[in-house]
Structures are given as C-alpha cells and as structure tokens.
Amino acid sequence: MPLYEFYCAQCKTKFEELCAASRETLSCPECAAESKRVLSTFRAGRGAAGGGASSGGCSGCSGKNCGSC
C-alpha cells in the first residue's frame, strides 16, 4: 500500500497514512475533521558513495565515482 500525505484545513495538521490509492479523504488524527490528500514532494539526495558528480564537482573526480574524492 502506498504512503500518502493528507492535510487538515481545520487544525492545519499535515500527516502521512498508508492507504489505498482511491482514498481522497481521511479523518485527521488530531481533531477528527475530514482531511484531504495533498500532493507530496520528496527529495532524494546522493551520499558520498552514491556516484555522480555534484554541481560543484571536484578536480579529481571522473564523474562516475565520487566516493574516491
């Protein structure tokens, strides 16, 4: 089951819930008001061993494995 983000306009709470994709509303865990599913954003970062060059780069990097920099 996918993880979705919901927003309660009544108490301004944002929360996540595992639920079916067809679920557009859910009760708020804080105030029990009807909350609507919202578009969530995420950020995927790269670690040092993640490969690929960063925007700054380094002089010793070939761009294929930045873990050795």
PDB file of N, CA and C in Angstrom:
ATOM      1  N   MET A   1       0.837  -1.174   0.000  1.00  0.00           N
ATOM      2  CA  MET A   1       0.000   0.000   0.000  1.00  0.00           C
ATOM      3  C   MET A   1       0.887   1.244   0.000  1.00  0.00           C
ATOM      4  N   PRO A   2       0.554   2.249  -0.790  1.00  0.00           N
ATOM      5  CA  PRO A   2       1.382   3.464  -0.854  1.00  0.00           C
ATOM      6  C   PRO A   2       1.168   4.389   0.351  1.00  0.00           C
ATOM      7  N   LEU A   3       2.155   5.202   0.607  1.00  0.00           N
ATOM      8  CA  LEU A   3       2.113   6.198   1.664  1.00  0.00           C
ATOM      9  C   LEU A   3       1.655   7.518   1.056  1.00  0.00           C
ATOM     10  N   TYR A   4       0.572   8.081   1.587  1.00  0.00           N
ATOM     11  CA  TYR A   4       0.040   9.345   1.083  1.00  0.00           C
ATOM     12  C   TYR A   4       0.087  10.400   2.172  1.00  0.00           C
ATOM     13  N   GLU A   5       0.124  11.665   1.756  1.00  0.00           N
ATOM     14  CA  GLU A   5       0.147  12.790   2.666  1.00  0.00           C
ATOM     15  C   GLU A   5      -1.229  13.446   2.660  1.00  0.00           C
ATOM     16  N   PHE A   6      -1.716  13.802   3.842  1.00  0.00           N
ATOM     17  CA  PHE A   6      -3.023  14.442   3.997  1.00  0.00           C
ATOM     18  C   PHE A   6      -2.854  15.749   4.753  1.00  0.00           C
ATOM     19  N   TYR A   7      -3.797  16.678   4.521  1.00  0.00           N
ATOM     20  CA  TYR A   7      -3.771  17.974   5.187  1.00  0.00           C
ATOM     21  C   TYR A   7      -5.147  18.282   5.756  1.00  0.00           C
ATOM     22  N   CYS A   8      -5.182  18.681   7.021  1.00  0.00           N
ATOM     23  CA  CYS A   8      -6.423  19.066   7.685  1.00  0.00           C
ATOM     24  C   CYS A   8      -6.502  20.588   7.714  1.00  0.00           C
ATOM     25  N   ALA A   9      -7.471  21.147   7.025  1.00  0.00           N
ATOM     26  CA  ALA A   9      -7.629  22.601   6.985  1.00  0.00           C
ATOM     27  C   ALA A   9      -8.118  23.152   8.319  1.00  0.00           C
ATOM     28  N   GLN A  10      -8.814  22.334   9.101  1.00  0.00           N
ATOM     29  CA  GLN A  10      -9.368  22.805  10.370  1.00  0.00           C
ATOM     30  C   GLN A  10      -8.280  23.075  11.407  1.00  0.00           C
ATOM     31  N   CYS A  11      -7.367  22.123  11.614  1.00  0.00           N
ATOM     32  CA  CYS A  11      -6.321  22.327  12.626  1.00  0.00           C
ATOM     33  C   CYS A  11      -4.930  22.508  12.004  1.00  0.00           C
ATOM     34  N   LYS A  12      -4.885  22.541  10.677  1.00  0.00           N
ATOM     35  CA  LYS A  12      -3.654  22.785   9.911  1.00  0.00           C
ATOM     36  C   LYS A  12      -2.573  21.734  10.181  1.00  0.00           C
ATOM     37  N   THR A  13      -3.006  20.490  10.350  1.00  0.00           N
ATOM     38  CA  THR A  13      -2.099  19.374  10.574  1.00  0.00           C
ATOM     39  C   THR A  13      -1.820  18.674   9.264  1.00  0.00           C
ATOM     40  N   LYS A  14      -0.570  18.313   9.050  1.00  0.00           N
ATOM     41  CA  LYS A  14      -0.179  17.521   7.887  1.00  0.00           C
ATOM     42  C   LYS A  14       0.289  16.175   8.423  1.00  0.00           C
ATOM     43  N   PHE A  15      -0.227  15.081   7.828  1.00  0.00           N
ATOM     44  CA  PHE A  15       0.147  13.757   8.297  1.00  0.00           C
ATOM     45  C   PHE A  15       0.201  12.780   7.140  1.00  0.00           C
ATOM     46  N   GLU A  16       0.874  11.669   7.356  1.00  0.00           N
ATOM     47  CA  GLU A  16       1.024  10.636   6.335  1.00  0.00           C
ATOM     48  C   GLU A  16       0.256   9.395   6.758  1.00  0.00           C
ATOM     49  N   GLU A  17      -0.235   8.646   5.778  1.00  0.00           N
ATOM     50  CA  GLU A  17      -1.004   7.443   6.070  1.00  0.00           C
ATOM     51  C   GLU A  17      -0.839   6.428   4.945  1.00  0.00           C
ATOM     52  N   LEU A  18      -0.694   5.179   5.310  1.00  0.00           N
ATOM     53  CA  LEU A  18      -0.697   4.098   4.330  1.00  0.00           C
ATOM     54  C   LEU A  18      -2.154   3.791   4.014  1.00  0.00           C
ATOM     55  N   CYS A  19      -2.554   3.953   2.754  1.00  0.00           N
ATOM     56  CA  CYS A  19      -3.945   3.692   2.390  1.00  0.00           C
ATOM     57  C   CYS A  19      -4.056   3.427   0.896  1.00  0.00           C
ATOM     58  N   ALA A  20      -5.218   2.990   0.485  1.00  0.00           N
ATOM     59  CA  ALA A  20      -5.475   2.691  -0.919  1.00  0.00           C
ATOM     60  C   ALA A  20      -5.389   3.964  -1.761  1.00  0.00           C
ATOM     61  N   ALA A  21      -4.996   3.821  -3.017  1.00  0.00           N
ATOM     62  CA  ALA A  21      -4.848   4.960  -3.918  1.00  0.00           C
ATOM     63  C   ALA A  21      -6.178   5.671  -4.168  1.00  0.00           C
ATOM     64  N   SER A  22      -7.276   4.975  -4.012  1.00  0.00           N
ATOM     65  CA  SER A  22      -8.600   5.569  -4.252  1.00  0.00           C
ATOM     66  C   SER A  22      -9.051   6.460  -3.093  1.00  0.00           C
ATOM     67  N   ARG A  23      -8.343   6.447  -1.981  1.00  0.00           N
ATOM     68  CA  ARG A  23      -8.728   7.218  -0.796  1.00  0.00           C
ATOM     69  C   ARG A  23      -8.337   8.682  -0.966  1.00  0.00           C
ATOM     70  N   GLU A  24      -9.331   9.581  -1.085  1.00  0.00           N
ATOM     71  CA  GLU A  24      -9.072  11.017  -1.265  1.00  0.00           C
ATOM     72  C   GLU A  24      -9.183  11.799   0.041  1.00  0.00           C
ATOM     73  N   THR A  25      -9.943  11.275   1.002  1.00  0.00           N
ATOM     74  CA  THR A  25     -10.107  11.943   2.293  1.00  0.00           C
ATOM     75  C   THR A  25      -9.864  10.945   3.415  1.00  0.00           C
ATOM     76  N   LEU A  26      -9.546  11.488   4.588  1.00  0.00           N
ATOM     77  CA  LEU A  26      -9.270  10.673   5.764  1.00  0.00           C
ATOM     78  C   LEU A  26      -9.533  11.528   6.996  1.00  0.00           C
ATOM     79  N   SER A  27      -9.897  10.917   8.100  1.00  0.00           N
ATOM     80  CA  SER A  27     -10.107  11.663   9.350  1.00  0.00           C
ATOM     81  C   SER A  27      -8.760  12.093   9.919  1.00  0.00           C
ATOM     82  N   CYS A  28      -8.684  13.323  10.352  1.00  0.00           N
ATOM     83  CA  CYS A  28      -7.462  13.864  10.953  1.00  0.00           C
ATOM     84  C   CYS A  28      -7.204  13.182  12.294  1.00  0.00           C
ATOM     85  N   PRO A  29      -5.975  12.757  12.563  1.00  0.00           N
ATOM     86  CA  PRO A  29      -5.668  12.119  13.844  1.00  0.00           C
ATOM     87  C   PRO A  29      -5.683  13.101  15.025  1.00  0.00           C
ATOM     88  N   GLU A  30      -5.616  14.405  14.750  1.00  0.00           N
ATOM     89  CA  GLU A  30      -5.598  15.409  15.820  1.00  0.00           C
ATOM     90  C   GLU A  30      -7.000  15.872  16.213  1.00  0.00           C
ATOM     91  N   CYS A  31      -7.845  16.169  15.208  1.00  0.00           N
ATOM     92  CA  CYS A  31      -9.160  16.758  15.516  1.00  0.00           C
ATOM     93  C   CYS A  31     -10.335  15.973  14.928  1.00  0.00           C
ATOM     94  N   ALA A  32     -10.050  14.918  14.178  1.00  0.00           N
ATOM     95  CA  ALA A  32     -11.065  14.040  13.567  1.00  0.00           C
ATOM     96  C   ALA A  32     -11.857  14.687  12.425  1.00  0.00           C
ATOM     97  N   ALA A  33     -11.454  15.870  11.995  1.00  0.00           N
ATOM     98  CA  ALA A  33     -12.120  16.509  10.851  1.00  0.00           C
ATOM     99  C   ALA A  33     -11.697  15.811   9.556  1.00  0.00           C
ATOM    100  N   GLU A  34     -12.467  15.989   8.516  1.00  0.00           N
ATOM    101  CA  GLU A  34     -12.129  15.396   7.224  1.00  0.00           C
ATOM    102  C   GLU A  34     -10.906  16.096   6.639  1.00  0.00           C
ATOM    103  N   SER A  35      -9.906  15.318   6.286  1.00  0.00           N
ATOM    104  CA  SER A  35      -8.671  15.848   5.714  1.00  0.00           C
ATOM    105  C   SER A  35      -8.546  15.378   4.282  1.00  0.00           C
ATOM    106  N   LYS A  36      -7.949  16.201   3.444  1.00  0.00           N
ATOM    107  CA  LYS A  36      -7.813  15.876   2.023  1.00  0.00           C
ATOM    108  C   LYS A  36      -6.396  15.458   1.686  1.00  0.00           C
ATOM    109  N   ARG A  37      -6.295  14.527   0.749  1.00  0.00           N
ATOM    110  CA  ARG A  37      -4.984  14.091   0.272  1.00  0.00           C
ATOM    111  C   ARG A  37      -4.355  15.220  -0.525  1.00  0.00           C
ATOM    112  N   VAL A  38      -3.084  15.452  -0.293  1.00  0.00           N
ATOM    113  CA  VAL A  38      -2.357  16.523  -0.988  1.00  0.00           C
ATOM    114  C   VAL A  38      -1.188  15.932  -1.757  1.00  0.00           C
ATOM    115  N   LEU A  39      -0.708  16.674  -2.696  1.00  0.00           N
ATOM    116  CA  LEU A  39       0.462  16.284  -3.464  1.00  0.00           C
ATOM    117  C   LEU A  39       1.683  16.454  -2.581  1.00  0.00           C
ATOM    118  N   SER A  40       2.397  15.391  -2.361  1.00  0.00           N
ATOM    119  CA  SER A  40       3.576  15.481  -1.515  1.00  0.00           C
ATOM    120  C   SER A  40       4.826  15.570  -2.369  1.00  0.00           C
ATOM    121  N   THR A  41       5.832  16.172  -1.811  1.00  0.00           N
ATOM    122  CA  THR A  41       7.108  16.281  -2.508  1.00  0.00           C
ATOM    123  C   THR A  41       8.155  15.545  -1.695  1.00  0.00           C
ATOM    124  N   PHE A  42       9.162  15.097  -2.340  1.00  0.00           N
ATOM    125  CA  PHE A  42      10.246  14.433  -1.637  1.00  0.00           C
ATOM    126  C   PHE A  42      11.554  14.862  -2.254  1.00  0.00           C
ATOM    127  N   ARG A  43      12.609  14.643  -1.514  1.00  0.00           N
ATOM    128  CA  ARG A  43      13.934  14.986  -2.009  1.00  0.00           C
ATOM    129  C   ARG A  43      14.809  13.757  -1.876  1.00  0.00           C
ATOM    130  N   ALA A  44      15.371  13.361  -2.963  1.00  0.00           N
ATOM    131  CA  ALA A  44      16.290  12.229  -2.949  1.00  0.00           C
ATOM    132  C   ALA A  44      17.705  12.777  -3.070  1.00  0.00           C
ATOM    133  N   GLY A  45      18.500  12.517  -2.076  1.00  0.00           N
ATOM    134  CA  GLY A  45      19.868  13.013  -2.083  1.00  0.00           C
ATOM    135  C   GLY A  45      20.841  11.908  -2.418  1.00  0.00           C
ATOM    136  N   ARG A  46      22.027  12.297  -2.769  1.00  0.00           N
ATOM    137  CA  ARG A  46      23.086  11.321  -3.041  1.00  0.00           C
ATOM    138  C   ARG A  46      24.124  11.413  -1.949  1.00  0.00           C
ATOM    139  N   GLY A  47      24.520  10.271  -1.453  1.00  0.00           N
ATOM    140  CA  GLY A  47      25.581  10.225  -0.454  1.00  0.00           C
ATOM    141  C   GLY A  47      26.933  10.246  -1.135  1.00  0.00           C
ATOM    142  N   ALA A  48      27.976  10.193  -0.357  1.00  0.00           N
ATOM    143  CA  ALA A  48      29.326  10.221  -0.906  1.00  0.00           C
ATOM    144  C   ALA A  48      29.587   9.030  -1.805  1.00  0.00           C
ATOM    145  N   ALA A  49      29.003   7.891  -1.481  1.00  0.00           N
ATOM    146  CA  ALA A  49      29.222   6.702  -2.295  1.00  0.00           C
ATOM    147  C   ALA A  49      28.134   6.536  -3.351  1.00  0.00           C
ATOM    148  N   GLY A  50      27.269   7.527  -3.513  1.00  0.00           N
ATOM    149  CA  GLY A  50      26.143   7.422  -4.432  1.00  0.00           C
ATOM    150  C   GLY A  50      26.512   7.558  -5.885  1.00  0.00           C
ATOM    151  N   GLY A  51      27.690   8.012  -6.178  1.00  0.00           N
ATOM    152  CA  GLY A  51      28.118   8.182  -7.563  1.00  0.00           C
ATOM    153  C   GLY A  51      27.569   9.461  -8.165  1.00  0.00           C
ATOM    154  N   GLY A  52      28.056   9.804  -9.304  1.00  0.00           N
ATOM    155  CA  GLY A  52      27.627  11.015  -9.997  1.00  0.00           C
ATOM    156  C   GLY A  52      28.318  12.236  -9.447  1.00  0.00           C
ATOM    157  N   ALA A  53      28.512  13.201 -10.270  1.00  0.00           N
ATOM    158  CA  ALA A  53      29.196  14.418  -9.849  1.00  0.00           C
ATOM    159  C   ALA A  53      28.194  15.401  -9.275  1.00  0.00           C
ATOM    160  N   SER A  54      28.589  16.114  -8.246  1.00  0.00           N
ATOM    161  CA  SER A  54      27.737  17.154  -7.700  1.00  0.00           C
ATOM    162  C   SER A  54      27.882  18.396  -8.565  1.00  0.00           C
ATOM    163  N   SER A  55      27.016  19.373  -8.334  1.00  0.00           N
ATOM    164  CA  SER A  55      27.071  20.578  -9.156  1.00  0.00           C
ATOM    165  C   SER A  55      28.383  21.322  -8.986  1.00  0.00           C
ATOM    166  N   GLY A  56      29.001  21.218  -7.782  1.00  0.00           N
ATOM    167  CA  GLY A  56      30.273  21.878  -7.553  1.00  0.00           C
ATOM    168  C   GLY A  56      31.424  21.081  -8.129  1.00  0.00           C
ATOM    169  N   GLY A  57      31.303  19.748  -8.031  1.00  0.00           N
ATOM    170  CA  GLY A  57      32.342  18.876  -8.552  1.00  0.00           C
ATOM    171  C   GLY A  57      33.640  19.006  -7.794  1.00  0.00           C
ATOM    172  N   CYS A  58      34.592  18.214  -8.186  1.00  0.00           N
ATOM    173  CA  CYS A  58      35.929  18.315  -7.626  1.00  0.00           C
ATOM    174  C   CYS A  58      36.922  18.037  -8.742  1.00  0.00           C
ATOM    175  N   SER A  59      38.117  18.486  -8.591  1.00  0.00           N
ATOM    176  CA  SER A  59      39.089  18.372  -9.688  1.00  0.00           C
ATOM    177  C   SER A  59      39.555  16.935  -9.925  1.00  0.00           C
ATOM    178  N   GLY A  60      39.488  16.079  -8.913  1.00  0.00           N
ATOM    179  CA  GLY A  60      39.961  14.699  -9.086  1.00  0.00           C
ATOM    180  C   GLY A  60      38.871  13.719  -9.458  1.00  0.00           C
ATOM    181  N   CYS A  61      37.695  14.177  -9.729  1.00  0.00           N
ATOM    182  CA  CYS A  61      36.549  13.298  -9.966  1.00  0.00           C
ATOM    183  C   CYS A  61      36.324  13.046 -11.444  1.00  0.00           C
ATOM    184  N   SER A  62      36.126  11.785 -11.784  1.00  0.00           N
ATOM    185  CA  SER A  62      35.850  11.441 -13.180  1.00  0.00           C
ATOM    186  C   SER A  62      34.362  11.568 -13.500  1.00  0.00           C
ATOM    187  N   GLY A  63      33.517  11.793 -12.486  1.00  0.00           N
ATOM    188  CA  GLY A  63      32.092  11.912 -12.694  1.00  0.00           C
ATOM    189  C   GLY A  63      31.371  10.583 -12.617  1.00  0.00           C
ATOM    190  N   LYS A  64      32.107   9.485 -12.477  1.00  0.00           N
ATOM    191  CA  LYS A  64      31.480   8.171 -12.399  1.00  0.00           C
ATOM    192  C   LYS A  64      31.475   7.632 -10.974  1.00  0.00           C
ATOM    193  N   ASN A  65      32.477   7.994 -10.181  1.00  0.00           N
ATOM    194  CA  ASN A  65      32.525   7.521  -8.804  1.00  0.00           C
ATOM    195  C   ASN A  65      33.154   8.589  -7.933  1.00  0.00           C
ATOM    196  N   CYS A  66      32.306   9.385  -7.308  1.00  0.00           N
ATOM    197  CA  CYS A  66      32.799  10.466  -6.454  1.00  0.00           C
ATOM    198  C   CYS A  66      33.183   9.965  -5.068  1.00  0.00           C
ATOM    199  N   GLY A  67      32.996   8.674  -4.796  1.00  0.00           N
ATOM    200  CA  GLY A  67      33.347   8.129  -3.491  1.00  0.00           C
ATOM    201  C   GLY A  67      34.824   8.175  -3.221  1.00  0.00           C
ATOM    202  N   SER A  68      35.653   8.309  -4.267  1.00  0.00           N
ATOM    203  CA  SER A  68      37.106   8.325  -4.074  1.00  0.00           C
ATOM    204  C   SER A  68      37.647   9.751  -3.933  1.00  0.00           C
ATOM    205  N   CYS A  69      36.833  10.746  -4.053  1.00  0.00           N
ATOM    206  CA  CYS A  69      37.268  12.147  -3.957  1.00  0.00           C
ATOM    207  C   CYS A  69      37.538  12.562  -2.536  1.00  0.00           C
TER     208      CYS A  69
END
